[in-house]
């Protein structure tokens, strides 16, 4: 067994990554629906465009404060917390590796 085979997958890390990409995708959707660019968003927030660009890669660890600010500035919901029955997280089905012949 090589070193890579010894790595134990961490479901929490997988969930973090999925959620980070979901947030970034949602922000992109909102910007597109409003005809705004990342540069526009940076100006709205008083940030450098390079900083917003890093946020939009899908790997940024957004704080709740930043998400709230984005929602206020964009006038749209990015991250929704729902009440009601507690549902278990869906487990991802294993996807086959894309093997090129």
Protein backbone atom coordinates (compact mmCIF):
# COMPACT_ATOMS: atom_id res chain seq x y z
CA UNK A 1 0.00 0.00 0.00
CA UNK A 2 1.43 3.37 -1.00
CA UNK A 3 1.10 6.63 0.94
CA UNK A 4 -1.90 7.86 -1.08
CA UNK A 5 -3.83 4.68 -0.35
CA UNK A 6 -3.32 5.25 3.39
CA UNK A 7 -5.11 8.62 3.32
CA UNK A 8 -8.48 8.35 4.99
CA UNK A 9 -11.15 10.53 3.37
CA UNK A 10 -12.64 13.16 5.68
CA UNK A 11 -16.37 13.73 5.03
CA UNK A 12 -16.21 17.11 6.81
CA UNK A 13 -13.55 18.35 4.39
CA UNK A 14 -15.57 17.07 1.44
CA UNK A 15 -18.67 18.91 2.76
CA UNK A 16 -16.64 22.10 3.30
CA UNK A 17 -15.34 22.00 -0.27
CA UNK A 18 -18.80 21.31 -1.72
CA UNK A 19 -20.33 24.16 0.30
CA UNK A 20 -17.53 26.57 -0.68
CA UNK A 21 -18.11 25.87 -4.36
CA UNK A 22 -21.90 26.15 -3.89
CA UNK A 23 -21.49 29.59 -2.29
CA UNK A 24 -19.17 30.79 -5.04
CA UNK A 25 -21.54 29.46 -7.72
CA UNK A 26 -24.47 31.23 -6.04
CA UNK A 27 -22.61 34.54 -5.92
CA UNK A 28 -21.74 34.14 -9.62
CA UNK A 29 -25.45 33.49 -10.37
CA UNK A 30 -26.52 36.61 -8.50
CA UNK A 31 -23.90 38.77 -10.19
CA UNK A 32 -24.92 37.45 -13.61
CA UNK A 33 -28.65 37.98 -12.91
CA UNK A 34 -27.96 41.59 -11.97
CA UNK A 35 -25.57 42.24 -14.86
CA UNK A 36 -22.67 42.81 -12.45
CA UNK A 37 -19.04 41.79 -12.67
CA UNK A 38 -16.55 40.80 -9.99
CA UNK A 39 -15.06 44.26 -10.44
CA UNK A 40 -18.46 45.80 -9.68
CA UNK A 41 -18.74 43.65 -6.56
CA UNK A 42 -15.26 44.67 -5.42
CA UNK A 43 -16.20 48.34 -5.81
CA UNK A 44 -19.47 47.79 -3.89
CA UNK A 45 -17.50 46.24 -1.03
CA UNK A 46 -14.54 48.63 -1.09
CA UNK A 47 -12.22 45.70 -1.84
CA UNK A 48 -9.59 45.05 -4.46
CA UNK A 49 -10.79 43.10 -7.48
CA UNK A 50 -8.00 40.56 -6.87
CA UNK A 51 -9.40 39.82 -3.39
CA UNK A 52 -12.93 39.24 -4.72
CA UNK A 53 -11.47 37.10 -7.50
CA UNK A 54 -9.83 34.87 -4.87
CA UNK A 55 -13.16 34.59 -3.06
CA UNK A 56 -14.83 33.46 -6.26
CA UNK A 57 -12.48 30.51 -6.85
CA UNK A 58 -14.68 28.32 -4.67
CA UNK A 59 -12.04 27.68 -2.04
CA UNK A 60 -12.55 30.75 0.16
CA UNK A 61 -13.68 30.18 3.75
CA UNK A 62 -16.44 32.79 3.97
CA UNK A 63 -17.31 34.10 7.41
CA UNK A 64 -20.95 34.59 8.35
CA UNK A 65 -20.20 38.32 8.55
CA UNK A 66 -18.90 38.37 4.96
CA UNK A 67 -21.90 36.36 3.71
CA UNK A 68 -24.26 38.82 5.45
CA UNK A 69 -22.43 41.77 3.89
CA UNK A 70 -22.60 40.17 0.45
CA UNK A 71 -26.33 39.51 0.83
CA UNK A 72 -26.97 43.13 1.87
CA UNK A 73 -24.86 44.61 -0.93
CA UNK A 74 -26.27 42.26 -3.59
CA UNK A 75 -29.82 42.38 -2.30
CA UNK A 76 -30.19 38.62 -2.64
CA UNK A 77 -29.98 35.54 -0.46
CA UNK A 78 -26.79 33.55 -0.82
CA UNK A 79 -26.97 31.11 2.06
CA UNK A 80 -30.28 29.94 3.44
CA UNK A 81 -30.86 28.25 6.74
CA UNK A 82 -34.17 26.46 6.92
CA UNK A 83 -36.29 25.32 9.80
CA UNK A 84 -38.42 22.22 9.87
CA UNK A 85 -37.72 18.52 9.95
CA UNK A 86 -34.07 17.60 10.32
CA UNK A 87 -33.02 15.66 7.25
CA UNK A 88 -29.86 13.55 7.09
CA UNK A 89 -27.13 14.67 4.73
CA UNK A 90 -27.23 12.92 1.41
CA UNK A 91 -24.27 10.68 0.84
CA UNK A 92 -22.58 11.14 -2.49
CA UNK A 93 -22.67 8.20 -4.79
CA UNK A 94 -19.25 7.10 -5.89
CA UNK A 95 -18.57 8.38 -9.36
CA UNK A 96 -16.55 6.17 -11.69
CA UNK A 97 -13.13 7.44 -12.56
CA UNK A 98 -12.89 8.92 -15.99
CA UNK A 99 -10.48 6.54 -17.61
CA UNK A 100 -9.26 7.44 -21.05
CA UNK A 101 -8.68 4.49 -23.32
